[in-house]
Amino acid sequence: MDPKDRRKHPRYEATFQVDLLNMGDDPSVSQFEAIIHGVAMDVSRQGMRVKVPYNVPVGSMLSIILYSEQGGESLCLCEVMWRQDELGEPVYGVFTRSWSKLDARLAKIFESMEAGTSQAA
């Protein structure tokens, strides 16, 4: 079975800039201080695929700030579910445990997708 078939929430295929707070899992980065810049390549209410130069093991928790093109930002706590390398750079599949802030525009996109209609960002 294709893993996408098991998803409860559809993925919004778009590129978002993200910042990750180092939660202490990567010893090469100062703990709780450094912000690591990356890109989310798709996002849903319960997860996203993130490309970021950060070395964390599966099972780690990440605090992610997601920026929309229109200037909005969302903040979530995620768990790393898988990791693979693409062109020598780590790509992570993360499960969103909770959104402490969800940009209204992104929330509207999620609602539209979950209802089966299409809406651009």
PDB file of N, CA and C in Angstrom:
ATOM      1  N   MET A   1       0.845  -1.186   0.000  1.00  0.00           N
ATOM      2  CA  MET A   1       0.000   0.000   0.000  1.00  0.00           C
ATOM      3  C   MET A   1       0.886   1.243   0.000  1.00  0.00           C
ATOM      4  N   ASP A   2       0.585   2.182  -0.838  1.00  0.00           N
ATOM      5  CA  ASP A   2       1.307   3.442  -0.917  1.00  0.00           C
ATOM      6  C   ASP A   2       1.076   4.220   0.382  1.00  0.00           C
ATOM      7  N   PRO A   3       2.177   4.728   1.028  1.00  0.00           N
ATOM      8  CA  PRO A   3       1.999   5.472   2.280  1.00  0.00           C
ATOM      9  C   PRO A   3       1.062   6.655   2.149  1.00  0.00           C
ATOM     10  N   LYS A   4       1.004   7.274   0.967  1.00  0.00           N
ATOM     11  CA  LYS A   4       0.115   8.415   0.774  1.00  0.00           C
ATOM     12  C   LYS A   4      -1.349   8.000   0.942  1.00  0.00           C
ATOM     13  N   ASP A   5      -1.666   6.723   0.630  1.00  0.00           N
ATOM     14  CA  ASP A   5      -3.040   6.247   0.746  1.00  0.00           C
ATOM     15  C   ASP A   5      -3.497   6.175   2.200  1.00  0.00           C
ATOM     16  N   ARG A   6      -2.553   6.131   3.141  1.00  0.00           N
ATOM     17  CA  ARG A   6      -2.895   6.025   4.550  1.00  0.00           C
ATOM     18  C   ARG A   6      -3.075   7.384   5.214  1.00  0.00           C
ATOM     19  N   ARG A   7      -2.761   8.447   4.520  1.00  0.00           N
ATOM     20  CA  ARG A   7      -2.858   9.780   5.113  1.00  0.00           C
ATOM     21  C   ARG A   7      -4.313  10.177   5.338  1.00  0.00           C
ATOM     22  N   LYS A   8      -4.552  10.784   6.500  1.00  0.00           N
ATOM     23  CA  LYS A   8      -5.890  11.271   6.824  1.00  0.00           C
ATOM     24  C   LYS A   8      -6.136  12.635   6.200  1.00  0.00           C
ATOM     25  N   HIS A   9      -5.065  13.393   5.989  1.00  0.00           N
ATOM     26  CA  HIS A   9      -5.185  14.751   5.479  1.00  0.00           C
ATOM     27  C   HIS A   9      -4.352  14.897   4.210  1.00  0.00           C
ATOM     28  N   PRO A  10      -4.927  15.493   3.149  1.00  0.00           N
ATOM     29  CA  PRO A  10      -4.179  15.665   1.898  1.00  0.00           C
ATOM     30  C   PRO A  10      -3.022  16.642   2.067  1.00  0.00           C
ATOM     31  N   ARG A  11      -1.968  16.431   1.275  1.00  0.00           N
ATOM     32  CA  ARG A  11      -0.804  17.312   1.305  1.00  0.00           C
ATOM     33  C   ARG A  11      -0.974  18.453   0.319  1.00  0.00           C
ATOM     34  N   TYR A  12      -0.580  19.636   0.735  1.00  0.00           N
ATOM     35  CA  TYR A  12      -0.567  20.809  -0.125  1.00  0.00           C
ATOM     36  C   TYR A  12       0.839  20.890  -0.720  1.00  0.00           C
ATOM     37  N   GLU A  13       0.937  20.673  -2.022  1.00  0.00           N
ATOM     38  CA  GLU A  13       2.220  20.657  -2.712  1.00  0.00           C
ATOM     39  C   GLU A  13       2.652  22.094  -2.996  1.00  0.00           C
ATOM     40  N   ALA A  14       3.542  22.625  -2.179  1.00  0.00           N
ATOM     41  CA  ALA A  14       4.068  23.970  -2.346  1.00  0.00           C
ATOM     42  C   ALA A  14       5.377  24.047  -1.563  1.00  0.00           C
ATOM     43  N   THR A  15       6.176  25.051  -1.854  1.00  0.00           N
ATOM     44  CA  THR A  15       7.435  25.244  -1.149  1.00  0.00           C
ATOM     45  C   THR A  15       7.276  26.355  -0.125  1.00  0.00           C
ATOM     46  N   PHE A  16       7.670  26.062   1.105  1.00  0.00           N
ATOM     47  CA  PHE A  16       7.611  27.018   2.194  1.00  0.00           C
ATOM     48  C   PHE A  16       8.997  27.117   2.828  1.00  0.00           C
ATOM     49  N   GLN A  17       9.416  28.315   3.167  1.00  0.00           N
ATOM     50  CA  GLN A  17      10.624  28.479   3.959  1.00  0.00           C
ATOM     51  C   GLN A  17      10.283  28.057   5.385  1.00  0.00           C
ATOM     52  N   VAL A  18      11.228  27.387   6.046  1.00  0.00           N
ATOM     53  CA  VAL A  18      11.026  26.973   7.432  1.00  0.00           C
ATOM     54  C   VAL A  18      12.268  27.296   8.249  1.00  0.00           C
ATOM     55  N   ASP A  19      12.064  27.470   9.524  1.00  0.00           N
ATOM     56  CA  ASP A  19      13.144  27.570  10.499  1.00  0.00           C
ATOM     57  C   ASP A  19      12.887  26.511  11.554  1.00  0.00           C
ATOM     58  N   LEU A  20      13.954  25.831  11.973  1.00  0.00           N
ATOM     59  CA  LEU A  20      13.871  24.832  13.030  1.00  0.00           C
ATOM     60  C   LEU A  20      14.670  25.312  14.224  1.00  0.00           C
ATOM     61  N   LEU A  21      14.110  25.144  15.399  1.00  0.00           N
ATOM     62  CA  LEU A  21      14.845  25.424  16.623  1.00  0.00           C
ATOM     63  C   LEU A  21      15.582  24.159  17.000  1.00  0.00           C
ATOM     64  N   ASN A  22      16.877  24.274  17.230  1.00  0.00           N
ATOM     65  CA  ASN A  22      17.651  23.113  17.649  1.00  0.00           C
ATOM     66  C   ASN A  22      17.183  22.670  19.029  1.00  0.00           C
ATOM     67  N   MET A  23      16.644  21.463  19.096  1.00  0.00           N
ATOM     68  CA  MET A  23      16.124  20.933  20.362  1.00  0.00           C
ATOM     69  C   MET A  23      17.171  20.097  21.104  1.00  0.00           C
ATOM     70  N   GLY A  24      18.429  20.136  20.626  1.00  0.00           N
ATOM     71  CA  GLY A  24      19.499  19.426  21.318  1.00  0.00           C
ATOM     72  C   GLY A  24      19.832  18.073  20.723  1.00  0.00           C
ATOM     73  N   ASP A  25      19.216  17.696  19.599  1.00  0.00           N
ATOM     74  CA  ASP A  25      19.457  16.382  19.014  1.00  0.00           C
ATOM     75  C   ASP A  25      20.656  16.331  18.075  1.00  0.00           C
ATOM     76  N   ASP A  26      21.095  17.481  17.562  1.00  0.00           N
ATOM     77  CA  ASP A  26      22.244  17.533  16.655  1.00  0.00           C
ATOM     78  C   ASP A  26      23.416  18.141  17.421  1.00  0.00           C
ATOM     79  N   PRO A  27      24.413  17.331  17.817  1.00  0.00           N
ATOM     80  CA  PRO A  27      25.517  17.839  18.628  1.00  0.00           C
ATOM     81  C   PRO A  27      26.405  18.848  17.907  1.00  0.00           C
ATOM     82  N   SER A  28      26.287  18.961  16.585  1.00  0.00           N
ATOM     83  CA  SER A  28      27.121  19.915  15.845  1.00  0.00           C
ATOM     84  C   SER A  28      26.543  21.332  15.866  1.00  0.00           C
ATOM     85  N   VAL A  29      25.344  21.514  16.453  1.00  0.00           N
ATOM     86  CA  VAL A  29      24.691  22.818  16.509  1.00  0.00           C
ATOM     87  C   VAL A  29      24.437  23.162  17.978  1.00  0.00           C
ATOM     88  N   SER A  30      24.687  24.430  18.356  1.00  0.00           N
ATOM     89  CA  SER A  30      24.487  24.853  19.743  1.00  0.00           C
ATOM     90  C   SER A  30      23.044  24.612  20.186  1.00  0.00           C
ATOM     91  N   GLN A  31      22.899  23.944  21.318  1.00  0.00           N
ATOM     92  CA  GLN A  31      21.577  23.548  21.807  1.00  0.00           C
ATOM     93  C   GLN A  31      20.721  24.751  22.186  1.00  0.00           C
ATOM     94  N   PHE A  32      19.458  24.735  21.750  1.00  0.00           N
ATOM     95  CA  PHE A  32      18.416  25.701  22.088  1.00  0.00           C
ATOM     96  C   PHE A  32      18.731  27.137  21.649  1.00  0.00           C
ATOM     97  N   GLU A  33      19.751  27.324  20.820  1.00  0.00           N
ATOM     98  CA  GLU A  33      20.098  28.667  20.384  1.00  0.00           C
ATOM     99  C   GLU A  33      19.951  28.831  18.876  1.00  0.00           C
ATOM    100  N   ALA A  34      20.468  27.874  18.138  1.00  0.00           N
ATOM    101  CA  ALA A  34      20.554  28.032  16.690  1.00  0.00           C
ATOM    102  C   ALA A  34      19.213  27.810  16.002  1.00  0.00           C
ATOM    103  N   ILE A  35      18.985  28.624  15.011  1.00  0.00           N
ATOM    104  CA  ILE A  35      17.865  28.412  14.108  1.00  0.00           C
ATOM    105  C   ILE A  35      18.460  27.850  12.827  1.00  0.00           C
ATOM    106  N   ILE A  36      17.902  26.768  12.349  1.00  0.00           N
ATOM    107  CA  ILE A  36      18.381  26.117  11.138  1.00  0.00           C
ATOM    108  C   ILE A  36      17.351  26.386  10.045  1.00  0.00           C
ATOM    109  N   HIS A  37      17.809  26.935   8.911  1.00  0.00           N
ATOM    110  CA  HIS A  37      16.921  27.277   7.808  1.00  0.00           C
ATOM    111  C   HIS A  37      16.756  26.090   6.869  1.00  0.00           C
ATOM    112  N   GLY A  38      15.555  25.921   6.345  1.00  0.00           N
ATOM    113  CA  GLY A  38      15.275  24.843   5.413  1.00  0.00           C
ATOM    114  C   GLY A  38      14.045  25.143   4.582  1.00  0.00           C
ATOM    115  N   VAL A  39      13.542  24.086   3.934  1.00  0.00           N
ATOM    116  CA  VAL A  39      12.397  24.218   3.041  1.00  0.00           C
ATOM    117  C   VAL A  39      11.435  23.057   3.294  1.00  0.00           C
ATOM    118  N   ALA A  40      10.153  23.376   3.403  1.00  0.00           N
ATOM    119  CA  ALA A  40       9.110  22.347   3.416  1.00  0.00           C
ATOM    120  C   ALA A  40       8.624  22.215   1.981  1.00  0.00           C
ATOM    121  N   MET A  41       8.563  20.977   1.492  1.00  0.00           N
ATOM    122  CA  MET A  41       8.195  20.747   0.094  1.00  0.00           C
ATOM    123  C   MET A  41       6.735  20.387  -0.068  1.00  0.00           C
ATOM    124  N   ASP A  42       6.089  20.033   0.988  1.00  0.00           N
ATOM    125  CA  ASP A  42       4.644  19.833   1.026  1.00  0.00           C
ATOM    126  C   ASP A  42       4.230  19.872   2.485  1.00  0.00           C
ATOM    127  N   VAL A  43       2.964  20.152   2.712  1.00  0.00           N
ATOM    128  CA  VAL A  43       2.500  20.302   4.090  1.00  0.00           C
ATOM    129  C   VAL A  43       1.032  19.902   4.174  1.00  0.00           C
ATOM    130  N   SER A  44       0.667  19.335   5.315  1.00  0.00           N
ATOM    131  CA  SER A  44      -0.728  19.027   5.604  1.00  0.00           C
ATOM    132  C   SER A  44      -0.981  19.381   7.060  1.00  0.00           C
ATOM    133  N   ARG A  45      -2.202  19.192   7.483  1.00  0.00           N
ATOM    134  CA  ARG A  45      -2.545  19.475   8.871  1.00  0.00           C
ATOM    135  C   ARG A  45      -1.740  18.588   9.830  1.00  0.00           C
ATOM    136  N   GLN A  46      -1.352  17.393   9.368  1.00  0.00           N
ATOM    137  CA  GLN A  46      -0.659  16.465  10.262  1.00  0.00           C
ATOM    138  C   GLN A  46       0.753  16.103   9.850  1.00  0.00           C
ATOM    139  N   GLY A  47       1.351  16.828   8.906  1.00  0.00           N
ATOM    140  CA  GLY A  47       2.726  16.506   8.578  1.00  0.00           C
ATOM    141  C   GLY A  47       3.276  17.313   7.432  1.00  0.00           C
ATOM    142  N   MET A  48       4.570  17.113   7.189  1.00  0.00           N
ATOM    143  CA  MET A  48       5.225  17.777   6.069  1.00  0.00           C
ATOM    144  C   MET A  48       6.522  17.059   5.743  1.00  0.00           C
ATOM    145  N   ARG A  49       7.020  17.362   4.563  1.00  0.00           N
ATOM    146  CA  ARG A  49       8.312  16.853   4.113  1.00  0.00           C
ATOM    147  C   ARG A  49       9.249  18.043   4.130  1.00  0.00           C
ATOM    148  N   VAL A  50      10.363  17.914   4.886  1.00  0.00           N
ATOM    149  CA  VAL A  50      11.250  19.043   5.135  1.00  0.00           C
ATOM    150  C   VAL A  50      12.669  18.694   4.704  1.00  0.00           C
ATOM    151  N   LYS A  51      13.273  19.604   3.930  1.00  0.00           N
ATOM    152  CA  LYS A  51      14.672  19.472   3.515  1.00  0.00           C
ATOM    153  C   LYS A  51      15.467  20.502   4.295  1.00  0.00           C
ATOM    154  N   VAL A  52      16.386  20.023   5.123  1.00  0.00           N
ATOM    155  CA  VAL A  52      17.116  20.923   6.018  1.00  0.00           C
ATOM    156  C   VAL A  52      18.463  20.289   6.377  1.00  0.00           C
ATOM    157  N   PRO A  53      19.536  21.086   6.425  1.00  0.00           N
ATOM    158  CA  PRO A  53      20.855  20.565   6.785  1.00  0.00           C
ATOM    159  C   PRO A  53      20.984  20.400   8.301  1.00  0.00           C
ATOM    160  N   TYR A  54      20.321  19.395   8.816  1.00  0.00           N
ATOM    161  CA  TYR A  54      20.237  19.177  10.255  1.00  0.00           C
ATOM    162  C   TYR A  54      20.255  17.674  10.456  1.00  0.00           C
ATOM    163  N   ASN A  55      21.033  17.205  11.393  1.00  0.00           N
ATOM    164  CA  ASN A  55      21.211  15.774  11.570  1.00  0.00           C
ATOM    165  C   ASN A  55      20.502  15.298  12.842  1.00  0.00           C
ATOM    166  N   VAL A  56      19.270  14.873  12.687  1.00  0.00           N
ATOM    167  CA  VAL A  56      18.513  14.386  13.843  1.00  0.00           C
ATOM    168  C   VAL A  56      18.001  12.972  13.576  1.00  0.00           C
ATOM    169  N   PRO A  57      17.940  12.149  14.594  1.00  0.00           N
ATOM    170  CA  PRO A  57      17.449  10.782  14.414  1.00  0.00           C
ATOM    171  C   PRO A  57      15.926  10.712  14.333  1.00  0.00           C
ATOM    172  N   VAL A  58      15.457   9.665  13.706  1.00  0.00           N
ATOM    173  CA  VAL A  58      14.029   9.369  13.677  1.00  0.00           C
ATOM    174  C   VAL A  58      13.548   9.276  15.122  1.00  0.00           C
ATOM    175  N   GLY A  59      12.385   9.845  15.394  1.00  0.00           N
ATOM    176  CA  GLY A  59      11.836   9.863  16.744  1.00  0.00           C
ATOM    177  C   GLY A  59      12.075  11.173  17.471  1.00  0.00           C
ATOM    178  N   SER A  60      12.959  12.019  16.932  1.00  0.00           N
ATOM    179  CA  SER A  60      13.241  13.315  17.558  1.00  0.00           C
ATOM    180  C   SER A  60      12.063  14.258  17.390  1.00  0.00           C
ATOM    181  N   MET A  61      11.964  15.219  18.294  1.00  0.00           N
ATOM    182  CA  MET A  61      10.957  16.261  18.215  1.00  0.00           C
ATOM    183  C   MET A  61      11.602  17.514  17.642  1.00  0.00           C
ATOM    184  N   LEU A  62      10.872  18.195  16.747  1.00  0.00           N
ATOM    185  CA  LEU A  62      11.343  19.429  16.132  1.00  0.00           C
ATOM    186  C   LEU A  62      10.310  20.526  16.323  1.00  0.00           C
ATOM    187  N   SER A  63      10.772  21.716  16.624  1.00  0.00           N
ATOM    188  CA  SER A  63       9.916  22.888  16.648  1.00  0.00           C
ATOM    189  C   SER A  63      10.136  23.597  15.323  1.00  0.00           C
ATOM    190  N   ILE A  64       9.075  23.727  14.511  1.00  0.00           N
ATOM    191  CA  ILE A  64       9.189  24.257  13.154  1.00  0.00           C
ATOM    192  C   ILE A  64       8.335  25.514  12.993  1.00  0.00           C
ATOM    193  N   ILE A  65       8.965  26.554  12.430  1.00  0.00           N
ATOM    194  CA  ILE A  65       8.245  27.761  12.032  1.00  0.00           C
ATOM    195  C   ILE A  65       8.131  27.696  10.513  1.00  0.00           C
ATOM    196  N   LEU A  66       6.913  27.774  10.020  1.00  0.00           N
ATOM    197  CA  LEU A  66       6.612  27.668   8.588  1.00  0.00           C
ATOM    198  C   LEU A  66       6.149  29.035   8.098  1.00  0.00           C
ATOM    199  N   TYR A  67       6.801  29.557   7.058  1.00  0.00           N
ATOM    200  CA  TYR A  67       6.489  30.893   6.537  1.00  0.00           C
ATOM    201  C   TYR A  67       5.765  30.783   5.208  1.00  0.00           C
ATOM    202  N   SER A  68       4.653  31.505   5.066  1.00  0.00           N
ATOM    203  CA  SER A  68       3.946  31.516   3.788  1.00  0.00           C
ATOM    204  C   SER A  68       4.454  32.690   2.960  1.00  0.00           C
ATOM    205  N   GLU A  69       4.242  32.630   1.651  1.00  0.00           N
ATOM    206  CA  GLU A  69       4.685  33.692   0.752  1.00  0.00           C
ATOM    207  C   GLU A  69       4.016  35.024   1.068  1.00  0.00           C
ATOM    208  N   GLN A  70       2.830  34.995   1.628  1.00  0.00           N
ATOM    209  CA  GLN A  70       2.091  36.213   1.922  1.00  0.00           C
ATOM    210  C   GLN A  70       2.496  36.830   3.260  1.00  0.00           C
ATOM    211  N   GLY A  71       3.496  36.301   3.913  1.00  0.00           N
ATOM    212  CA  GLY A  71       3.983  36.874   5.152  1.00  0.00           C
ATOM    213  C   GLY A  71       3.448  36.241   6.409  1.00  0.00           C
ATOM    214  N   GLY A  72       2.551  35.286   6.290  1.00  0.00           N
ATOM    215  CA  GLY A  72       2.036  34.616   7.476  1.00  0.00           C
ATOM    216  C   GLY A  72       3.022  33.592   7.997  1.00  0.00           C
ATOM    217  N   GLU A  73       2.869  33.230   9.249  1.00  0.00           N
ATOM    218  CA  GLU A  73       3.716  32.184   9.795  1.00  0.00           C
ATOM    219  C   GLU A  73       2.903  31.271  10.700  1.00  0.00           C
ATOM    220  N   SER A  74       3.352  30.026  10.715  1.00  0.00           N
ATOM    221  CA  SER A  74       2.725  29.001  11.542  1.00  0.00           C
ATOM    222  C   SER A  74       3.815  28.361  12.380  1.00  0.00           C
ATOM    223  N   LEU A  75       3.461  27.866  13.539  1.00  0.00           N
ATOM    224  CA  LEU A  75       4.417  27.243  14.443  1.00  0.00           C
ATOM    225  C   LEU A  75       3.865  25.910  14.901  1.00  0.00           C
ATOM    226  N   CYS A  76       4.698  24.854  14.787  1.00  0.00           N
ATOM    227  CA  CYS A  76       4.228  23.532  15.193  1.00  0.00           C
ATOM    228  C   CYS A  76       5.346  22.723  15.841  1.00  0.00           C
ATOM    229  N   LEU A  77       4.930  21.733  16.603  1.00  0.00           N
ATOM    230  CA  LEU A  77       5.832  20.759  17.200  1.00  0.00           C
ATOM    231  C   LEU A  77       5.644  19.470  16.429  1.00  0.00           C
ATOM    232  N   CYS A  78       6.751  18.926  15.896  1.00  0.00           N
ATOM    233  CA  CYS A  78       6.676  17.753  15.022  1.00  0.00           C
ATOM    234  C   CYS A  78       7.610  16.647  15.492  1.00  0.00           C
ATOM    235  N   GLU A  79       7.268  15.427  15.112  1.00  0.00           N
ATOM    236  CA  GLU A  79       8.108  14.267  15.381  1.00  0.00           C
ATOM    237  C   GLU A  79       8.658  13.746  14.063  1.00  0.00           C
ATOM    238  N   VAL A  80       9.963  13.470  14.028  1.00  0.00           N
ATOM    239  CA  VAL A  80      10.595  12.932  12.829  1.00  0.00           C
ATOM    240  C   VAL A  80      10.180  11.472  12.673  1.00  0.00           C
ATOM    241  N   MET A  81       9.517  11.157  11.539  1.00  0.00           N
ATOM    242  CA  MET A  81       9.039   9.793  11.283  1.00  0.00           C
ATOM    243  C   MET A  81       9.979   9.008  10.370  1.00  0.00           C
ATOM    244  N   TRP A  82      10.641   9.699   9.449  1.00  0.00           N
ATOM    245  CA  TRP A  82      11.603   9.052   8.559  1.00  0.00           C
ATOM    246  C   TRP A  82      12.615  10.067   8.064  1.00  0.00           C
ATOM    247  N   ARG A  83      13.731   9.548   7.562  1.00  0.00           N
ATOM    248  CA  ARG A  83      14.784  10.373   6.987  1.00  0.00           C
ATOM    249  C   ARG A  83      15.346   9.660   5.769  1.00  0.00           C
ATOM    250  N   GLN A  84      15.634  10.444   4.725  1.00  0.00           N
ATOM    251  CA  GLN A  84      16.332   9.917   3.551  1.00  0.00           C
ATOM    252  C   GLN A  84      17.222  11.032   3.019  1.00  0.00           C
ATOM    253  N   ASP A  85      18.265  10.676   2.301  1.00  0.00           N
ATOM    254  CA  ASP A  85      19.141  11.679   1.712  1.00  0.00           C
ATOM    255  C   ASP A  85      18.772  11.883   0.254  1.00  0.00           C
ATOM    256  N   GLU A  86      18.690  13.141  -0.146  1.00  0.00           N
ATOM    257  CA  GLU A  86      18.457  13.507  -1.532  1.00  0.00           C
ATOM    258  C   GLU A  86      19.583  14.435  -1.943  1.00  0.00           C
ATOM    259  N   LEU A  87      20.406  13.976  -2.875  1.00  0.00           N
ATOM    260  CA  LEU A  87      21.557  14.746  -3.347  1.00  0.00           C
ATOM    261  C   LEU A  87      22.454  15.173  -2.188  1.00  0.00           C
ATOM    262  N   GLY A  88      22.657  14.266  -1.242  1.00  0.00           N
ATOM    263  CA  GLY A  88      23.544  14.513  -0.117  1.00  0.00           C
ATOM    264  C   GLY A  88      22.986  15.375   0.988  1.00  0.00           C
ATOM    265  N   GLU A  89      21.717  15.744   0.895  1.00  0.00           N
ATOM    266  CA  GLU A  89      21.101  16.575   1.931  1.00  0.00           C
ATOM    267  C   GLU A  89      19.943  15.814   2.568  1.00  0.00           C
ATOM    268  N   PRO A  90      19.830  15.861   3.903  1.00  0.00           N
ATOM    269  CA  PRO A  90      18.749  15.122   4.555  1.00  0.00           C
ATOM    270  C   PRO A  90      17.364  15.701   4.262  1.00  0.00           C
ATOM    271  N   VAL A  91      16.419  14.792   4.032  1.00  0.00           N
ATOM    272  CA  VAL A  91      15.007  15.139   3.887  1.00  0.00           C
ATOM    273  C   VAL A  91      14.264  14.332   4.941  1.00  0.00           C
ATOM    274  N   TYR A  92      13.385  15.004   5.679  1.00  0.00           N
ATOM    275  CA  TYR A  92      12.661  14.363   6.774  1.00  0.00           C
ATOM    276  C   TYR A  92      11.162  14.367   6.509  1.00  0.00           C
ATOM    277  N   GLY A  93      10.515  13.300   6.903  1.00  0.00           N
ATOM    278  CA  GLY A  93       9.066  13.250   6.960  1.00  0.00           C
ATOM    279  C   GLY A  93       8.698  13.447   8.409  1.00  0.00           C
ATOM    280  N   VAL A  94       7.911  14.476   8.696  1.00  0.00           N
ATOM    281  CA  VAL A  94       7.572  14.767  10.085  1.00  0.00           C
ATOM    282  C   VAL A  94       6.064  14.716  10.297  1.00  0.00           C
ATOM    283  N   PHE A  95       5.675  14.266  11.466  1.00  0.00           N
ATOM    284  CA  PHE A  95       4.280  14.216  11.893  1.00  0.00           C
ATOM    285  C   PHE A  95       4.052  15.387  12.829  1.00  0.00           C
ATOM    286  N   THR A  96       3.055  16.204  12.542  1.00  0.00           N
ATOM    287  CA  THR A  96       2.755  17.369  13.369  1.00  0.00           C
ATOM    288  C   THR A  96       1.962  16.929  14.599  1.00  0.00           C
ATOM    289  N   ARG A  97       2.598  17.052  15.746  1.00  0.00           N
ATOM    290  CA  ARG A  97       1.942  16.711  17.020  1.00  0.00           C
ATOM    291  C   ARG A  97       0.951  17.795  17.423  1.00  0.00           C
ATOM    292  N   SER A  98       1.341  19.072  17.221  1.00  0.00           N
ATOM    293  CA  SER A  98       0.432  20.164  17.563  1.00  0.00           C
ATOM    294  C   SER A  98       0.851  21.440  16.840  1.00  0.00           C
ATOM    295  N   TRP A  99      -0.156  22.243  16.511  1.00  0.00           N
ATOM    296  CA  TRP A  99       0.055  23.571  15.949  1.00  0.00           C
ATOM    297  C   TRP A  99      -0.193  24.562  17.084  1.00  0.00           C
ATOM    298  N   SER A 100       0.809  25.323  17.481  1.00  0.00           N
ATOM    299  CA  SER A 100       0.567  26.354  18.483  1.00  0.00           C
ATOM    300  C   SER A 100       0.136  27.651  17.810  1.00  0.00           C
ATOM    301  N   LYS A 101       0.416  27.753  16.502  1.00  0.00           N
ATOM    302  CA  LYS A 101      -0.045  28.889  15.705  1.00  0.00           C
ATOM    303  C   LYS A 101      -0.216  28.390  14.274  1.00  0.00           C
ATOM    304  N   LEU A 102      -1.382  28.628  13.686  1.00  0.00           N
ATOM    305  CA  LEU A 102      -1.643  28.220  12.310  1.00  0.00           C
ATOM    306  C   LEU A 102      -2.139  29.436  11.534  1.00  0.00           C
ATOM    307  N   ASP A 103      -1.371  29.857  10.533  1.00  0.00           N
ATOM    308  CA  ASP A 103      -1.724  30.991   9.694  1.00  0.00           C
ATOM    309  C   ASP A 103      -3.124  30.788   9.124  1.00  0.00           C
ATOM    310  N   ALA A 104      -3.948  31.822   9.178  1.00  0.00           N
ATOM    311  CA  ALA A 104      -5.343  31.721   8.736  1.00  0.00           C
ATOM    312  C   ALA A 104      -5.454  31.286   7.273  1.00  0.00           C
ATOM    313  N   ARG A 105      -4.570  31.782   6.426  1.00  0.00           N
ATOM    314  CA  ARG A 105      -4.606  31.419   5.005  1.00  0.00           C
ATOM    315  C   ARG A 105      -4.296  29.925   4.813  1.00  0.00           C
ATOM    316  N   LEU A 106      -3.295  29.422   5.542  1.00  0.00           N
ATOM    317  CA  LEU A 106      -2.953  28.000   5.450  1.00  0.00           C
ATOM    318  C   LEU A 106      -4.089  27.149   6.021  1.00  0.00           C
ATOM    319  N   ALA A 107      -4.699  27.588   7.108  1.00  0.00           N
ATOM    320  CA  ALA A 107      -5.836  26.858   7.676  1.00  0.00           C
ATOM    321  C   ALA A 107      -6.967  26.759   6.655  1.00  0.00           C
ATOM    322  N   LYS A 108      -7.201  27.833   5.921  1.00  0.00           N
ATOM    323  CA  LYS A 108      -8.250  27.845   4.903  1.00  0.00           C
ATOM    324  C   LYS A 108      -7.922  26.868   3.768  1.00  0.00           C
ATOM    325  N   ILE A 109      -6.650  26.807   3.384  1.00  0.00           N
ATOM    326  CA  ILE A 109      -6.222  25.858   2.351  1.00  0.00           C
ATOM    327  C   ILE A 109      -6.461  24.430   2.830  1.00  0.00           C
ATOM    328  N   PHE A 110      -6.080  24.138   4.070  1.00  0.00           N
ATOM    329  CA  PHE A 110      -6.308  22.795   4.628  1.00  0.00           C
ATOM    330  C   PHE A 110      -7.795  22.447   4.605  1.00  0.00           C
ATOM    331  N   GLU A 111      -8.629  23.369   5.058  1.00  0.00           N
ATOM    332  CA  GLU A 111     -10.075  23.115   5.092  1.00  0.00           C
ATOM    333  C   GLU A 111     -10.615  22.860   3.701  1.00  0.00           C
ATOM    334  N   SER A 112     -10.168  23.627   2.733  1.00  0.00           N
ATOM    335  CA  SER A 112     -10.599  23.467   1.345  1.00  0.00           C
ATOM    336  C   SER A 112     -10.192  22.102   0.794  1.00  0.00           C
ATOM    337  N   MET A 113      -8.947  21.708   1.051  1.00  0.00           N
ATOM    338  CA  MET A 113      -8.451  20.418   0.561  1.00  0.00           C
ATOM    339  C   MET A 113      -9.188  19.259   1.227  1.00  0.00           C
ATOM    340  N   GLU A 114      -9.428  19.384   2.511  1.00  0.00           N
ATOM    341  CA  GLU A 114     -10.109  18.313   3.232  1.00  0.00           C
ATOM    342  C   GLU A 114     -11.564  18.179   2.792  1.00  0.00           C
ATOM    343  N   ALA A 115     -12.144  19.292   2.319  1.00  0.00           N
ATOM    344  CA  ALA A 115     -13.516  19.261   1.817  1.00  0.00           C
ATOM    345  C   ALA A 115     -13.567  18.773   0.370  1.00  0.00           C
ATOM    346  N   GLY A 116     -12.378  18.624  -0.246  1.00  0.00           N
ATOM    347  CA  GLY A 116     -12.320  18.113  -1.615  1.00  0.00           C
ATOM    348  C   GLY A 116     -12.363  19.178  -2.679  1.00  0.00           C
ATOM    349  N   THR A 117     -12.197  20.439  -2.277  1.00  0.00           N
ATOM    350  CA  THR A 117     -12.142  21.524  -3.253  1.00  0.00           C
ATOM    351  C   THR A 117     -10.723  22.042  -3.352  1.00  0.00           C
ATOM    352  N   SER A 118     -10.439  22.834  -4.363  1.00  0.00           N
ATOM    353  CA  SER A 118      -9.090  23.338  -4.593  1.00  0.00           C
ATOM    354  C   SER A 118      -9.053  24.832  -4.364  1.00  0.00           C
ATOM    355  N   GLN A 119      -7.931  25.279  -3.747  1.00  0.00           N
ATOM    356  CA  GLN A 119      -7.751  26.710  -3.501  1.00  0.00           C
ATOM    357  C   GLN A 119      -6.253  27.001  -3.532  1.00  0.00           C
ATOM    358  N   ALA A 120      -5.841  28.053  -4.204  1.00  0.00           N
ATOM    359  CA  ALA A 120      -4.421  28.409  -4.286  1.00  0.00           C
ATOM    360  C   ALA A 120      -4.003  29.194  -3.049  1.00  0.00           C
ATOM    361  N   ALA A 121      -2.687  29.129  -2.759  1.00  0.00           N
ATOM    362  CA  ALA A 121      -2.158  29.810  -1.577  1.00  0.00           C
ATOM    363  C   ALA A 121      -2.076  31.287  -1.763  1.00  0.00           C
TER     364      ALA A 121
END
